[in-house]
Amino acid sequence: MEIIILACQMVADELNLAISRTGVKYPVLWIDSRLHEYPDKLQIRLQDEINRISNVQHIALAFGYCGNAVLGLKAKNASLIIPRVDDCISLLLGSVSLHNRLSSEQDTYYLTKGWLEYEYGILNQLERSINRYGQERACQIHRDMLQHYSRMILIDTGAYNVESCLEKVNRLANVLGVNYEEIIGSGGLLDKLLQGPWDEDFSIIPPDGIVTKEHLWASKVRLLKCAENLQLPICGLNSKEK
C-alpha cells in the first residue's frame, strides 16, 4: 500500500468530498474530534495510530498543527505528510494567509456543518446550558464567554447544503450579538494531500524524522529539496515544479 490517511472526524464531510473528487482509494483512519479539546491526548492518539501502521510509504495527516498536537510525531518506516496550516480553519479555507486576513479584520468565530453538529461544539453547549440554567442566563453566559468575537463566518466548503445550516447559525449569531457572514472555502489543500503535488504547502517528514515547529515555517527551497530526496514520483512534486 502506498498511502494511508489519518484524519479528524471534524473534516469528514470535506475529506470524503475530496476523495470522491480525486478518485483516490486510500484507506482513512478517523480520529475522534473530541481530542481537539486536549492536544496532549490527541498527540498520543496520533502517535499510537502511526505506530500501528505498517507496509505503507506515506502517512498523510488531514490535520493542522492543532494546538501543537502534531509536534513530536514520528513514523519509523514511512514519511509523514502534513499540511502547513495552523488548524482546520486554514485547511478548509485553503490558505493560512486568508485565515489571517479575515481574523485581522475582526475577531471571528468560524463554523462549518461539522462544527455545528459537533457534540461539544458551541451550539450543543448552548443547548445544554439552556437546559441547566434557562434561556436568559444561558445566553448571557455564552455572550460573556465569547464577548471578544464580533463576527461569525460559516465556511461553505462545498461538502453540504449551506441552507441547511442557516437557521442554526442565525440563532447563534443572534444569541451572541455578532454579525453573520458566509465565505467560500477551498478543498484545494485536501485534494493535494490526497494526490499531490506535495509542494510548499506541505511538510514532508522522512522516515524516522520527528515533526518540529520548524516544519510549519520551513522555506520553500528546503521543502522542495526534502521532496526530491524522498523521490515522490506520483504524489510528490511535478517535474515542472522542481
Protein backbone atom coordinates (compact mmCIF):
# COMPACT_ATOMS: atom_id res chain seq x y z
CA MET A 1 0.00 0.00 0.00
CA GLU A 2 1.31 3.44 -0.87
CA ILE A 3 -0.62 5.88 1.34
CA ILE A 4 -2.91 5.84 4.36
CA ILE A 5 -4.78 8.89 5.67
CA LEU A 6 -5.12 9.94 9.30
CA ALA A 7 -8.00 12.40 9.59
CA CYS A 8 -10.04 14.26 12.16
CA GLN A 9 -13.74 13.42 12.13
CA MET A 10 -14.45 17.15 12.14
CA VAL A 11 -13.44 17.37 8.46
CA ALA A 12 -15.16 14.13 7.41
CA ASP A 13 -17.59 15.85 5.04
CA GLU A 14 -14.81 17.75 3.30
CA LEU A 15 -12.34 14.86 3.13
CA ASN A 16 -14.97 12.46 1.78
CA LEU A 17 -15.81 15.03 -0.90
CA ALA A 18 -12.11 15.35 -1.79
CA ILE A 19 -11.83 11.55 -2.01
CA SER A 20 -14.81 11.48 -4.38
CA ARG A 21 -13.43 14.41 -6.39
CA THR A 22 -9.94 12.96 -6.80
CA GLY A 23 -10.99 9.33 -7.17
CA VAL A 24 -8.30 8.02 -4.79
CA LYS A 25 -8.93 4.80 -2.90
CA TYR A 26 -6.64 5.23 0.09
CA PRO A 27 -7.91 3.97 3.47
CA VAL A 28 -8.78 6.56 6.11
CA LEU A 29 -8.29 6.19 9.86
CA TRP A 30 -10.67 8.59 11.60
CA ILE A 31 -9.62 10.28 14.85
CA ASP A 32 -12.25 11.32 17.40
CA SER A 33 -12.72 15.07 17.10
CA ARG A 34 -13.25 15.38 20.86
CA LEU A 35 -9.49 15.02 21.28
CA HIS A 36 -9.09 18.54 19.87
CA GLU A 37 -10.02 19.75 23.33
CA TYR A 38 -6.91 18.00 24.67
CA PRO A 39 -3.89 18.45 22.35
CA ASP A 40 -1.64 16.27 24.51
CA LYS A 41 -4.10 13.38 24.33
CA LEU A 42 -4.54 13.97 20.59
CA GLN A 43 -0.78 13.74 20.10
CA ILE A 44 -0.68 10.44 21.99
CA ARG A 45 -3.55 9.03 19.96
CA LEU A 46 -1.98 10.08 16.66
CA GLN A 47 1.34 8.53 17.62
CA ASP A 48 -0.39 5.31 18.70
CA GLU A 49 -2.14 5.10 15.32
CA ILE A 50 1.09 5.82 13.46
CA ASN A 51 2.87 3.09 15.42
CA ARG A 52 0.24 0.56 14.33
CA ILE A 53 0.60 1.36 10.62
CA SER A 54 2.90 -0.80 8.53
CA ASN A 55 3.65 -1.51 4.87
CA VAL A 56 2.96 2.00 3.59
CA GLN A 57 5.25 4.59 2.04
CA HIS A 58 3.45 7.69 3.26
CA ILE A 59 1.09 8.64 6.09
CA ALA A 60 -0.91 11.74 5.17
CA LEU A 61 -2.45 13.72 8.04
CA ALA A 62 -5.66 15.68 7.44
CA PHE A 63 -4.80 17.90 10.39
CA GLY A 64 -3.28 21.27 11.01
CA TYR A 65 -0.86 21.84 13.87
CA CYS A 66 -3.94 21.80 16.13
CA GLY A 67 -2.52 23.21 19.35
CA ASN A 68 0.86 21.59 18.62
CA ALA A 69 -0.74 18.14 18.66
CA VAL A 70 1.41 17.02 15.71
CA LEU A 71 4.68 18.13 17.30
CA GLY A 72 6.96 15.22 18.09
CA LEU A 73 5.17 12.74 15.83
CA LYS A 74 7.42 10.17 14.20
CA ALA A 75 6.94 7.29 11.78
CA LYS A 76 9.66 4.67 11.71
CA ASN A 77 9.21 3.32 8.19
CA ALA A 78 7.05 5.89 6.38
CA SER A 79 7.15 9.58 5.60
CA LEU A 80 4.63 11.89 7.24
CA ILE A 81 2.83 14.39 5.01
CA ILE A 82 1.32 17.32 6.90
CA PRO A 83 -0.41 20.44 5.53
CA ARG A 84 1.40 23.58 6.60
CA VAL A 85 -1.62 25.11 8.33
CA ASP A 86 -2.16 26.12 11.92
CA ASP A 87 -5.58 24.48 12.23
CA CYS A 88 -8.51 23.04 10.31
CA ILE A 89 -9.95 26.52 9.67
CA SER A 90 -6.99 27.33 7.44
CA LEU A 91 -7.21 23.83 5.96
CA LEU A 92 -10.83 24.35 4.90
CA LEU A 93 -10.29 27.94 3.77
CA GLY A 94 -7.39 26.64 1.69
CA SER A 95 -4.87 29.14 2.99
CA VAL A 96 -3.27 30.40 6.19
CA SER A 97 -2.99 33.88 4.70
CA LEU A 98 -6.75 34.10 4.07
CA HIS A 99 -7.44 32.92 7.60
CA ASN A 100 -5.05 35.54 8.98
CA ARG A 101 -6.56 38.30 6.84
CA LEU A 102 -10.12 37.51 7.89
CA SER A 103 -9.17 37.29 11.56
CA SER A 104 -7.23 40.56 11.39
CA GLU A 105 -10.33 42.36 10.06
CA GLN A 106 -12.48 41.29 13.01
CA ASP A 107 -12.31 38.74 15.81
CA THR A 108 -14.09 35.92 14.03
CA TYR A 109 -15.75 32.68 15.11
CA TYR A 110 -15.72 30.13 12.27
CA LEU A 111 -18.27 27.40 11.65
CA THR A 112 -18.94 24.54 9.27
CA LYS A 113 -21.66 21.93 9.32
CA GLY A 114 -19.25 19.62 11.15
CA TRP A 115 -18.58 22.17 13.87
CA LEU A 116 -22.29 22.95 14.22
CA GLU A 117 -23.09 19.27 14.74
CA TYR A 118 -20.07 18.55 16.95
CA GLU A 119 -21.24 17.11 20.26
CA TYR A 120 -19.10 19.54 22.26
CA GLY A 121 -19.41 22.46 19.85
CA ILE A 122 -20.86 25.85 20.64
CA LEU A 123 -24.43 25.01 19.59
CA ASN A 124 -24.73 21.86 21.69
CA GLN A 125 -23.01 23.62 24.58
CA LEU A 126 -25.67 26.33 24.36
CA GLU A 127 -28.47 23.76 24.36
CA ARG A 128 -27.05 22.05 27.43
CA SER A 129 -26.69 25.40 29.20
CA ILE A 130 -30.31 26.31 28.42
CA ASN A 131 -31.47 23.01 29.88
CA ARG A 132 -29.43 23.66 33.01
CA TYR A 133 -29.76 27.40 33.55
CA GLY A 134 -32.71 28.52 31.44
CA GLN A 135 -32.74 30.58 28.23
CA GLU A 136 -31.83 34.01 29.55
CA ARG A 137 -28.97 33.02 31.84
CA ALA A 138 -27.53 30.52 29.34
CA CYS A 139 -27.45 33.10 26.56
CA GLN A 140 -25.77 35.62 28.85
CA ILE A 141 -23.15 33.05 29.86
CA HIS A 142 -22.26 32.40 26.22
CA ARG A 143 -22.22 36.11 25.35
CA ASP A 144 -19.77 36.65 28.21
CA MET A 145 -17.62 33.66 27.17
CA LEU A 146 -17.36 34.82 23.56
CA GLN A 147 -17.59 38.57 24.04
CA HIS A 148 -14.39 39.31 22.12
CA TYR A 149 -15.88 37.92 18.90
CA SER A 150 -17.65 40.41 16.65
CA ARG A 151 -18.30 38.22 13.62
CA MET A 152 -19.40 34.67 12.83
CA ILE A 153 -18.44 33.14 9.49
CA LEU A 154 -19.91 29.98 8.01
CA ILE A 155 -17.41 28.38 5.63
CA ASP A 156 -19.13 27.00 2.55
CA THR A 157 -16.81 24.07 1.88
CA GLY A 158 -18.98 22.66 -0.90
CA ALA A 159 -19.49 19.46 1.10
CA TYR A 160 -23.01 20.28 2.31
CA ASN A 161 -26.02 22.47 1.64
CA VAL A 162 -25.39 25.79 3.37
CA GLU A 163 -29.12 26.47 3.52
CA SER A 164 -29.49 23.57 5.95
CA CYS A 165 -27.20 25.38 8.42
CA LEU A 166 -28.66 28.88 8.24
CA GLU A 167 -31.29 28.54 10.97
CA LYS A 168 -28.71 27.28 13.48
CA VAL A 169 -26.07 29.84 12.51
CA ASN A 170 -28.51 32.76 12.62
CA ARG A 171 -29.67 31.64 16.04
CA LEU A 172 -26.12 31.56 17.34
CA ALA A 173 -25.33 34.95 15.82
CA ASN A 174 -28.42 36.47 17.45
CA VAL A 175 -27.60 34.93 20.84
CA LEU A 176 -24.03 36.25 20.71
CA GLY A 177 -24.99 39.60 19.17
CA VAL A 178 -22.47 39.30 16.32
CA ASN A 179 -22.60 39.81 12.57
CA TYR A 180 -23.00 36.77 10.36
CA GLU A 181 -21.26 36.18 7.04
CA GLU A 182 -20.57 33.33 4.63
CA ILE A 183 -17.37 32.66 2.75
CA ILE A 184 -16.50 30.15 0.06
CA GLY A 185 -13.90 27.68 1.30
CA SER A 186 -11.49 25.60 -0.73
CA GLY A 187 -10.81 21.89 -0.98
CA GLY A 188 -7.52 22.53 -2.74
CA LEU A 189 -5.28 21.53 0.15
CA LEU A 190 -7.23 18.32 0.78
CA ASP A 191 -7.06 17.45 -2.91
CA LYS A 192 -3.29 17.95 -2.89
CA LEU A 193 -2.93 15.98 0.32
CA LEU A 194 -4.56 13.02 -1.45
CA GLN A 195 -2.94 13.21 -4.87
CA GLY A 196 -0.20 15.81 -4.79
CA PRO A 197 1.72 17.79 -5.61
CA TRP A 198 3.20 17.95 -2.12
CA ASP A 199 4.70 21.38 -2.66
CA GLU A 200 5.46 24.29 -0.34
CA ASP A 201 2.02 23.90 1.21
CA PHE A 202 3.14 20.68 2.92
CA SER A 203 5.82 19.48 5.26
CA ILE A 204 7.35 16.11 4.42
CA ILE A 205 8.99 14.37 7.35
CA PRO A 206 11.13 11.42 6.23
CA PRO A 207 11.05 8.01 7.93
CA ASP A 208 12.43 8.22 11.48
CA GLY A 209 12.21 12.02 11.37
CA ILE A 210 10.41 13.99 14.08
CA VAL A 211 7.86 16.77 13.47
CA THR A 212 9.12 20.11 14.80
CA LYS A 213 7.81 23.67 14.72
CA GLU A 214 10.32 24.40 12.01
CA HIS A 215 8.39 22.16 9.62
CA LEU A 216 5.48 24.59 9.59
CA TRP A 217 7.67 27.52 8.60
CA ALA A 218 10.38 25.78 6.55
CA SER A 219 11.41 27.62 3.42
CA LYS A 220 10.08 26.58 0.03
CA VAL A 221 13.57 25.63 -1.13
CA ARG A 222 14.06 23.29 1.81
CA LEU A 223 10.64 21.67 1.33
CA LEU A 224 11.32 21.05 -2.35
CA LYS A 225 14.72 19.56 -1.52
CA CYS A 226 13.11 17.22 1.01
CA ALA A 227 10.57 16.07 -1.57
CA GLU A 228 13.34 15.40 -4.09
CA ASN A 229 15.33 13.39 -1.57
CA LEU A 230 12.29 11.22 -0.84
CA GLN A 231 11.75 10.62 -4.58
CA LEU A 232 8.00 11.14 -4.74
CA PRO A 233 7.05 10.15 -8.31
CA ILE A 234 3.26 10.00 -8.01
CA CYS A 235 2.12 12.10 -5.08
CA GLY A 236 5.12 14.38 -4.91
CA LEU A 237 6.09 17.39 -6.95
CA ASN A 238 5.55 17.64 -10.65
CA SER A 239 8.79 17.83 -12.57
CA LYS A 240 7.99 21.35 -13.66
CA GLU A 241 7.90 22.48 -10.04
CA LYS A 242 11.32 21.09 -9.29
